[in-house]
Amino acid sequence: MFSSACALFSPGLDREKEITAFLGKACLSAEGQSRIHFRQNRHLVRFESVHLSETAQWFVGMEIPGRGQEVVQANYSQEIEDGQPHIMGRFYQRLLNEAERDSNPQVKVWLDEFVDLLIFIPRLIDSISGENEEFGELICDDKVCQLADRKFYYQITRHGIELITPSSRPGLNLSFALSELHESGEWFVRMRFRLNLAGRVGPEAHPAELYLFLTECKDNRIKGIN
C-alpha cells in the first residue's frame, strides 16, 4: 500500500496536480461499513452511498439496527432551493434534535460545523474533477489551498492524504483523511471525516466523526485515474 501511495506523488508535480492525484481517488459512490460517532452515540453499520454531481447531491444509506435503512441526503449546491436544508434524513434529524435539547450550546455548534465539512468535501471533489464549475477553481501554494472562500491545509501522509480546514470558531477545526489504497490503485479504502477540539485528549477531542470503510467502489468517475 505504501508504494502505491508514493507512486501518486513525485517532486515534479505542482500543488494542484499533487492534491488532485490523491483526491481524485476519493470514492463517494460505494458500499461497505461505517462508524458514526457523535458525542456518546456510536453506531457501526453497513452503508451504501451514491454521489450525483450533476444535481450536487450525496446520499448515504445506512442500516440502523431496529430502524431499518435510513438515508442521509447532502444537498451541497451553493444555490439550493429556498427552505431546503443542506442535510436531510431521519438519522440526521435525531442528532439535530438531541443537539438542540442539550444544555451545552456548543453541541449544536459542533453539529453545524460537522455538516459544513460533509458539504465541503463533495464540492471539492466536484471542483477538481471538473464535474461542476459552480464551486470555483482550486488554488494551492505550499500546502495551503483555497476553494472559493474556504481555506484548508493538506499533508501527504504515509498512507494517503489529510486535509485540515480551520473554523472561524476558536479552538476548533475539521479534518478529512483518505488512506489505504485499494489493490487496484484506483480508490482509497478508508475515508474519515472528523471534528477536532483543541486542548482536549482522547474521545473528547473528537466529538463528531464519520468513518467509511469501503469494500466496493461504484464511482466510474475515478476509473483510469493514475
Protein backbone atom coordinates (compact mmCIF):
# COMPACT_ATOMS: atom_id res chain seq x y z
CA MET A 1 0.00 0.00 0.00
CA PHE A 2 2.81 2.39 0.85
CA SER A 3 4.48 2.00 -2.54
CA SER A 4 1.17 2.61 -4.32
CA ALA A 5 0.57 5.79 -2.36
CA CYS A 6 4.08 7.01 -3.07
CA ALA A 7 3.52 6.42 -6.79
CA LEU A 8 0.89 9.15 -6.74
CA PHE A 9 3.46 11.77 -5.77
CA SER A 10 6.65 12.95 -7.41
CA PRO A 11 8.68 16.14 -6.79
CA GLY A 12 7.76 17.38 -10.26
CA LEU A 13 4.04 17.68 -9.55
CA ASP A 14 2.73 21.19 -8.87
CA ARG A 15 0.46 21.67 -5.86
CA GLU A 16 -2.86 21.49 -7.72
CA LYS A 17 -1.84 18.30 -9.54
CA GLU A 18 -0.49 16.79 -6.34
CA ILE A 19 -3.74 17.15 -4.42
CA THR A 20 -5.83 16.23 -7.48
CA ALA A 21 -3.92 12.95 -7.82
CA PHE A 22 -4.97 11.97 -4.31
CA LEU A 23 -8.47 13.43 -4.04
CA GLY A 24 -9.29 12.06 -7.49
CA LYS A 25 -9.27 8.66 -5.82
CA ALA A 26 -11.93 9.54 -3.22
CA CYS A 27 -14.87 7.26 -3.99
CA LEU A 28 -18.19 8.79 -2.89
CA SER A 29 -20.35 6.14 -4.59
CA ALA A 30 -19.54 2.99 -2.66
CA GLU A 31 -20.58 0.43 -0.10
CA GLY A 32 -19.04 -1.06 3.00
CA GLN A 33 -19.00 -0.46 6.75
CA SER A 34 -19.36 2.88 8.50
CA ARG A 35 -18.66 4.01 12.03
CA ILE A 36 -20.55 7.09 13.21
CA HIS A 37 -19.72 8.91 16.41
CA PHE A 38 -21.48 11.98 17.79
CA ARG A 39 -20.68 12.57 21.45
CA GLN A 40 -21.88 9.50 23.39
CA ASN A 41 -23.67 7.98 20.39
CA ARG A 42 -21.73 5.40 18.39
CA HIS A 43 -23.02 3.26 15.56
CA LEU A 44 -21.27 0.60 13.46
CA VAL A 45 -23.46 -0.06 10.44
CA ARG A 46 -23.37 -1.07 6.81
CA PHE A 47 -23.68 1.75 4.29
CA GLU A 48 -24.24 2.35 0.61
CA SER A 49 -23.63 5.76 -0.93
CA VAL A 50 -24.46 7.48 -4.22
CA HIS A 51 -22.78 10.65 -5.48
CA LEU A 52 -24.74 12.67 -8.06
CA SER A 53 -22.51 15.51 -9.18
CA GLU A 54 -24.99 16.67 -11.83
CA THR A 55 -27.51 17.60 -9.11
CA ALA A 56 -24.91 18.27 -6.38
CA GLN A 57 -26.28 15.59 -4.04
CA TRP A 58 -24.65 12.88 -1.97
CA PHE A 59 -26.80 10.11 -0.47
CA VAL A 60 -25.56 7.77 2.27
CA GLY A 61 -27.93 4.92 3.19
CA MET A 62 -27.28 3.15 6.50
CA GLU A 63 -28.75 0.00 8.02
CA ILE A 64 -29.64 1.14 11.55
CA PRO A 65 -30.38 -1.71 14.00
CA GLY A 66 -34.05 -1.67 14.97
CA ARG A 67 -34.87 1.09 12.48
CA GLY A 68 -34.03 -0.36 9.08
CA GLN A 69 -32.39 1.67 6.34
CA GLU A 70 -32.11 5.40 6.83
CA VAL A 71 -30.73 7.80 4.26
CA VAL A 72 -28.72 10.95 4.93
CA GLN A 73 -29.03 13.33 1.98
CA ALA A 74 -26.43 16.07 1.49
CA ASN A 75 -27.55 18.86 -0.83
CA TYR A 76 -24.27 20.61 -1.45
CA SER A 77 -25.11 23.05 -4.23
CA GLN A 78 -24.37 26.68 -3.39
CA GLU A 79 -27.82 27.60 -4.72
CA ILE A 80 -30.26 25.16 -3.15
CA GLU A 81 -33.99 25.85 -3.21
CA ASP A 82 -35.45 28.17 -0.58
CA GLY A 83 -36.20 26.30 2.62
CA GLN A 84 -34.32 23.16 1.58
CA PRO A 85 -31.66 22.26 4.17
CA HIS A 86 -28.17 21.14 3.19
CA ILE A 87 -28.58 17.91 5.19
CA MET A 88 -31.78 15.85 5.35
CA GLY A 89 -32.86 12.48 6.76
CA ARG A 90 -34.26 10.89 9.91
CA PHE A 91 -30.85 9.91 11.27
CA TYR A 92 -29.55 13.47 10.99
CA GLN A 93 -32.80 14.87 12.38
CA ARG A 94 -32.38 12.80 15.55
CA LEU A 95 -28.87 14.17 16.03
CA LEU A 96 -30.15 17.69 15.44
CA ASN A 97 -32.99 17.29 17.94
CA GLU A 98 -30.55 15.97 20.52
CA ALA A 99 -28.17 18.88 19.95
CA GLU A 100 -30.95 21.46 20.24
CA ARG A 101 -32.17 19.93 23.51
CA ASP A 102 -28.71 19.84 25.07
CA SER A 103 -27.99 22.44 27.75
CA ASN A 104 -24.50 22.93 26.31
CA PRO A 105 -24.81 25.34 23.34
CA GLN A 106 -21.51 24.06 21.93
CA VAL A 107 -23.16 20.77 20.96
CA LYS A 108 -25.25 22.46 18.24
CA VAL A 109 -22.13 24.32 17.09
CA TRP A 110 -20.26 21.02 16.72
CA LEU A 111 -23.03 19.51 14.62
CA ASP A 112 -23.27 22.59 12.39
CA GLU A 113 -19.52 22.60 11.81
CA PHE A 114 -19.50 18.89 11.01
CA VAL A 115 -22.29 19.41 8.48
CA ASP A 116 -20.15 22.10 6.83
CA LEU A 117 -17.40 19.51 6.34
CA LEU A 118 -19.82 16.97 4.84
CA ILE A 119 -20.93 19.67 2.38
CA PHE A 120 -17.45 20.95 1.55
CA ILE A 121 -15.81 17.64 0.59
CA PRO A 122 -18.20 16.76 -2.30
CA ARG A 123 -17.81 20.35 -3.55
CA LEU A 124 -14.05 19.93 -3.53
CA ILE A 125 -14.25 16.56 -5.31
CA ASP A 126 -16.53 18.02 -7.99
CA SER A 127 -14.27 21.02 -8.44
CA ILE A 128 -11.07 19.06 -9.06
CA SER A 129 -12.83 16.58 -11.35
CA GLY A 130 -14.38 19.36 -13.45
CA GLU A 131 -17.86 17.94 -12.83
CA ASN A 132 -19.35 21.19 -11.53
CA GLU A 133 -17.96 24.66 -12.23
CA GLU A 134 -20.15 26.44 -9.67
CA PHE A 135 -17.69 25.65 -6.87
CA GLY A 136 -14.81 27.57 -8.41
CA GLU A 137 -11.19 26.72 -9.08
CA LEU A 138 -8.85 25.12 -6.57
CA ILE A 139 -5.72 27.23 -5.93
CA CYS A 140 -2.83 25.84 -3.87
CA ASP A 141 0.51 27.20 -2.72
CA ASP A 142 2.93 25.45 -0.35
CA LYS A 143 0.34 23.02 1.06
CA VAL A 144 -2.25 25.76 1.62
CA CYS A 145 -5.27 25.61 -0.69
CA GLN A 146 -8.28 27.81 -1.37
CA LEU A 147 -11.59 26.84 -2.95
CA ALA A 148 -13.91 29.85 -3.21
CA ASP A 149 -13.99 31.30 0.33
CA ARG A 150 -12.78 28.08 2.02
CA LYS A 151 -9.13 27.67 3.00
CA PHE A 152 -7.55 24.39 4.02
CA TYR A 153 -4.16 22.85 4.61
CA TYR A 154 -3.08 19.43 3.44
CA GLN A 155 -0.32 16.95 4.07
CA ILE A 156 0.67 13.79 2.28
CA THR A 157 0.79 11.03 4.86
CA ARG A 158 2.41 7.62 4.77
CA HIS A 159 -0.87 6.04 3.67
CA GLY A 160 -2.69 8.84 1.82
CA ILE A 161 -3.66 12.46 2.41
CA GLU A 162 -5.21 14.55 5.17
CA LEU A 163 -6.92 17.94 4.85
CA ILE A 164 -7.32 20.35 7.77
CA THR A 165 -9.81 23.17 7.38
CA PRO A 166 -9.91 25.82 10.13
CA SER A 167 -13.13 27.14 11.60
CA SER A 168 -14.00 30.73 12.40
CA ARG A 169 -14.75 29.45 15.89
CA PRO A 170 -11.73 29.38 18.23
CA GLY A 171 -10.28 26.04 19.29
CA LEU A 172 -11.99 24.06 16.55
CA ASN A 173 -11.02 22.65 13.16
CA LEU A 174 -12.20 19.96 10.78
CA SER A 175 -10.27 17.23 9.03
CA PHE A 176 -10.79 14.82 6.15
CA ALA A 177 -8.45 11.91 5.51
CA LEU A 178 -8.05 9.29 2.81
CA SER A 179 -5.89 6.24 3.43
CA GLU A 180 -5.10 2.70 2.26
CA LEU A 181 -5.30 2.42 -1.48
CA HIS A 182 -7.27 -0.48 -2.90
CA GLU A 183 -5.15 -3.15 -4.56
CA SER A 184 -6.27 -1.78 -7.93
CA GLY A 185 -4.64 1.55 -7.06
CA GLU A 186 -7.77 3.39 -8.23
CA TRP A 187 -9.51 4.33 -4.97
CA PHE A 188 -8.94 4.69 -1.25
CA VAL A 189 -10.47 2.11 1.06
CA ARG A 190 -10.80 4.42 4.10
CA MET A 191 -12.35 7.86 4.43
CA ARG A 192 -12.57 9.79 7.69
CA PHE A 193 -14.49 13.00 8.48
CA ARG A 194 -13.64 14.46 11.90
CA LEU A 195 -14.24 17.49 14.12
CA ASN A 196 -11.24 18.36 16.30
CA LEU A 197 -11.23 20.36 19.55
CA ALA A 198 -8.02 21.95 20.79
CA GLY A 199 -6.89 21.36 24.35
CA ARG A 200 -8.71 18.04 24.77
CA VAL A 201 -7.48 14.47 24.68
CA GLY A 202 -8.99 11.09 23.94
CA PRO A 203 -12.56 10.78 22.65
CA GLU A 204 -13.44 14.26 23.95
CA ALA A 205 -11.05 15.76 21.40
CA HIS A 206 -13.22 14.45 18.53
CA PRO A 207 -16.94 14.74 19.42
CA ALA A 208 -18.06 14.10 15.84
CA GLU A 209 -16.59 11.54 13.43
CA LEU A 210 -17.67 9.55 10.40
CA TYR A 211 -15.53 6.66 9.15
CA LEU A 212 -16.28 4.90 5.88
CA PHE A 213 -14.55 1.56 5.24
CA LEU A 214 -15.17 0.77 1.58
CA THR A 215 -15.49 -2.79 0.33
CA GLU A 216 -16.62 -1.76 -3.16
CA CYS A 217 -16.32 1.42 -5.24
CA LYS A 218 -19.15 2.12 -7.70
CA ASP A 219 -17.91 5.54 -8.83
CA ASN A 220 -16.99 5.30 -12.50
CA ARG A 221 -15.64 8.85 -12.32
CA ILE A 222 -12.37 7.67 -10.80
CA LYS A 223 -11.68 4.72 -13.09
CA GLY A 224 -8.48 5.10 -15.01
CA ILE A 225 -7.06 7.94 -12.89
CA ASN A 226 -3.33 7.46 -12.27
